[in-house]
Amino acid sequence: MDVSSEQVKLQVNIIDLTEYDLKLINILERQLNPRSRELLMPFIKILQVPELKGIITVHSTVGRKR
């Protein structure tokens, strides 16, 4: 893996990111990117309902949303 920044190298090592991982990410991105709006629309619609948005906000953390 060719990474020029020392900070990026450190981050890559900390999360144990491999060439294989990057290849999988690339494949997934190419498959999902054209459909991203289609995939996100149901969630966006849920967030437009105040009661459901409240439930998600109360019971979720930033880490769990990722």
N, C-alpha and C. Protein backbone atom coordinates (compact mmCIF):
# COMPACT_ATOMS: atom_id res chain seq x y z
N MET A 1 0.85 -1.16 0.00
CA MET A 1 0.00 0.00 0.00
C MET A 1 0.90 1.23 0.00
N ASP A 2 0.72 2.09 -0.97
CA ASP A 2 1.57 3.27 -1.10
C ASP A 2 0.88 4.47 -0.44
N VAL A 3 1.37 4.81 0.75
CA VAL A 3 0.81 5.94 1.50
C VAL A 3 1.95 6.89 1.80
N SER A 4 1.79 8.15 1.38
CA SER A 4 2.89 9.10 1.53
C SER A 4 2.92 9.80 2.88
N SER A 5 1.77 10.13 3.44
CA SER A 5 1.71 10.86 4.69
C SER A 5 1.97 9.92 5.88
N GLU A 6 2.84 10.35 6.78
CA GLU A 6 3.14 9.55 7.98
C GLU A 6 1.90 9.41 8.85
N GLN A 7 1.09 10.47 8.93
CA GLN A 7 -0.13 10.43 9.72
C GLN A 7 -1.09 9.38 9.16
N VAL A 8 -1.23 9.34 7.84
CA VAL A 8 -2.12 8.36 7.20
C VAL A 8 -1.56 6.95 7.41
N LYS A 9 -0.26 6.79 7.30
CA LYS A 9 0.36 5.48 7.54
C LYS A 9 0.05 4.98 8.95
N LEU A 10 0.15 5.87 9.92
CA LEU A 10 -0.13 5.52 11.30
C LEU A 10 -1.59 5.09 11.45
N GLN A 11 -2.50 5.85 10.87
CA GLN A 11 -3.93 5.53 10.94
C GLN A 11 -4.23 4.20 10.28
N VAL A 12 -3.62 3.94 9.13
CA VAL A 12 -3.81 2.68 8.41
C VAL A 12 -3.32 1.52 9.27
N ASN A 13 -2.18 1.69 9.91
CA ASN A 13 -1.64 0.64 10.77
C ASN A 13 -2.50 0.41 12.01
N ILE A 14 -3.02 1.48 12.59
CA ILE A 14 -3.84 1.36 13.79
C ILE A 14 -5.10 0.55 13.52
N ILE A 15 -5.73 0.78 12.37
CA ILE A 15 -6.97 0.05 12.08
C ILE A 15 -6.71 -1.23 11.29
N ASP A 16 -5.42 -1.53 11.04
CA ASP A 16 -5.03 -2.76 10.37
C ASP A 16 -5.69 -2.89 8.99
N LEU A 17 -5.66 -1.80 8.23
CA LEU A 17 -6.23 -1.78 6.89
C LEU A 17 -5.26 -2.44 5.92
N THR A 18 -5.77 -3.34 5.10
CA THR A 18 -4.91 -4.07 4.16
C THR A 18 -5.28 -3.72 2.72
N GLU A 19 -4.43 -4.17 1.79
CA GLU A 19 -4.72 -4.00 0.36
C GLU A 19 -6.05 -4.68 0.02
N TYR A 20 -6.26 -5.85 0.59
CA TYR A 20 -7.50 -6.59 0.35
C TYR A 20 -8.71 -5.77 0.80
N ASP A 21 -8.61 -5.15 1.97
CA ASP A 21 -9.70 -4.30 2.48
C ASP A 21 -10.00 -3.17 1.49
N LEU A 22 -8.95 -2.53 0.99
CA LEU A 22 -9.13 -1.42 0.06
C LEU A 22 -9.79 -1.89 -1.24
N LYS A 23 -9.42 -3.07 -1.70
CA LYS A 23 -10.04 -3.62 -2.92
C LYS A 23 -11.53 -3.87 -2.68
N LEU A 24 -11.86 -4.43 -1.52
CA LEU A 24 -13.27 -4.67 -1.20
C LEU A 24 -14.05 -3.35 -1.11
N ILE A 25 -13.46 -2.37 -0.48
CA ILE A 25 -14.10 -1.06 -0.35
C ILE A 25 -14.35 -0.46 -1.72
N ASN A 26 -13.36 -0.58 -2.59
CA ASN A 26 -13.48 -0.05 -3.94
C ASN A 26 -14.62 -0.73 -4.70
N ILE A 27 -14.70 -2.05 -4.60
CA ILE A 27 -15.76 -2.81 -5.27
C ILE A 27 -17.13 -2.40 -4.72
N LEU A 28 -17.23 -2.34 -3.39
CA LEU A 28 -18.50 -1.96 -2.77
C LEU A 28 -18.92 -0.55 -3.16
N GLU A 29 -17.96 0.36 -3.19
CA GLU A 29 -18.27 1.74 -3.56
C GLU A 29 -18.82 1.80 -4.98
N ARG A 30 -18.19 1.08 -5.90
CA ARG A 30 -18.66 1.10 -7.30
C ARG A 30 -20.05 0.49 -7.42
N GLN A 31 -20.35 -0.50 -6.59
CA GLN A 31 -21.67 -1.13 -6.66
C GLN A 31 -22.75 -0.29 -5.98
N LEU A 32 -22.40 0.34 -4.87
CA LEU A 32 -23.40 1.05 -4.08
C LEU A 32 -23.57 2.51 -4.47
N ASN A 33 -22.53 3.13 -4.97
CA ASN A 33 -22.59 4.56 -5.26
C ASN A 33 -23.73 4.93 -6.21
N PRO A 34 -23.92 4.22 -7.32
CA PRO A 34 -25.04 4.58 -8.20
C PRO A 34 -26.40 4.41 -7.53
N ARG A 35 -26.47 3.56 -6.52
CA ARG A 35 -27.74 3.28 -5.84
C ARG A 35 -27.84 3.98 -4.48
N SER A 36 -26.88 4.84 -4.16
CA SER A 36 -26.84 5.41 -2.81
C SER A 36 -28.11 6.18 -2.47
N ARG A 37 -28.62 6.96 -3.38
CA ARG A 37 -29.85 7.73 -3.10
C ARG A 37 -31.01 6.76 -2.86
N GLU A 38 -31.11 5.74 -3.70
CA GLU A 38 -32.17 4.74 -3.55
C GLU A 38 -32.07 4.03 -2.20
N LEU A 39 -30.83 3.74 -1.77
CA LEU A 39 -30.63 3.04 -0.51
C LEU A 39 -30.90 3.93 0.70
N LEU A 40 -30.64 5.22 0.57
CA LEU A 40 -30.80 6.14 1.69
C LEU A 40 -32.21 6.72 1.84
N MET A 41 -33.00 6.70 0.77
CA MET A 41 -34.31 7.34 0.81
C MET A 41 -35.22 6.81 1.93
N PRO A 42 -35.30 5.49 2.15
CA PRO A 42 -36.15 5.04 3.27
C PRO A 42 -35.72 5.62 4.62
N PHE A 43 -34.43 5.72 4.85
CA PHE A 43 -33.94 6.27 6.11
C PHE A 43 -34.25 7.77 6.18
N ILE A 44 -34.07 8.48 5.08
CA ILE A 44 -34.37 9.91 5.04
C ILE A 44 -35.85 10.14 5.34
N LYS A 45 -36.72 9.29 4.79
CA LYS A 45 -38.16 9.42 5.06
C LYS A 45 -38.47 9.19 6.53
N ILE A 46 -37.77 8.25 7.16
CA ILE A 46 -37.97 8.00 8.59
C ILE A 46 -37.61 9.24 9.39
N LEU A 47 -36.53 9.90 9.01
CA LEU A 47 -36.09 11.08 9.75
C LEU A 47 -37.03 12.26 9.59
N GLN A 48 -37.92 12.21 8.61
CA GLN A 48 -38.89 13.29 8.43
C GLN A 48 -40.08 13.15 9.37
N VAL A 49 -40.19 12.01 10.05
CA VAL A 49 -41.25 11.80 11.04
C VAL A 49 -40.66 12.14 12.40
N PRO A 50 -41.12 13.23 13.02
CA PRO A 50 -40.50 13.70 14.27
C PRO A 50 -40.41 12.64 15.36
N GLU A 51 -41.44 11.83 15.52
CA GLU A 51 -41.43 10.81 16.57
C GLU A 51 -40.32 9.78 16.33
N LEU A 52 -40.17 9.36 15.07
CA LEU A 52 -39.14 8.37 14.75
C LEU A 52 -37.74 8.97 14.86
N LYS A 53 -37.61 10.21 14.42
CA LYS A 53 -36.32 10.88 14.55
C LYS A 53 -35.93 10.99 16.02
N GLY A 54 -36.90 11.28 16.87
CA GLY A 54 -36.65 11.38 18.31
C GLY A 54 -36.17 10.06 18.89
N ILE A 55 -36.80 8.96 18.48
CA ILE A 55 -36.39 7.64 18.96
C ILE A 55 -34.95 7.35 18.55
N ILE A 56 -34.63 7.64 17.29
CA ILE A 56 -33.27 7.39 16.80
C ILE A 56 -32.27 8.26 17.55
N THR A 57 -32.61 9.51 17.75
CA THR A 57 -31.70 10.43 18.44
C THR A 57 -31.44 10.00 19.88
N VAL A 58 -32.49 9.60 20.57
CA VAL A 58 -32.36 9.21 21.98
C VAL A 58 -31.58 7.91 22.15
N HIS A 59 -31.80 6.96 21.27
CA HIS A 59 -31.25 5.62 21.45
C HIS A 59 -30.02 5.30 20.60
N SER A 60 -29.44 6.30 19.96
CA SER A 60 -28.27 6.05 19.11
C SER A 60 -27.11 6.93 19.52
N THR A 61 -25.92 6.44 19.21
CA THR A 61 -24.71 7.24 19.38
C THR A 61 -24.08 7.43 18.01
N VAL A 62 -23.16 8.36 17.90
CA VAL A 62 -22.49 8.59 16.63
C VAL A 62 -21.79 7.33 16.15
N GLY A 63 -21.14 6.63 17.05
CA GLY A 63 -20.43 5.41 16.69
C GLY A 63 -21.35 4.33 16.14
N ARG A 64 -22.54 4.21 16.70
CA ARG A 64 -23.49 3.19 16.24
C ARG A 64 -24.12 3.57 14.91
N LYS A 65 -24.17 4.84 14.58
CA LYS A 65 -24.77 5.28 13.32
C LYS A 65 -23.84 5.05 12.14
N ARG A 66 -22.58 4.90 12.41
CA ARG A 66 -21.62 4.72 11.32
C ARG A 66 -21.64 3.35 10.85
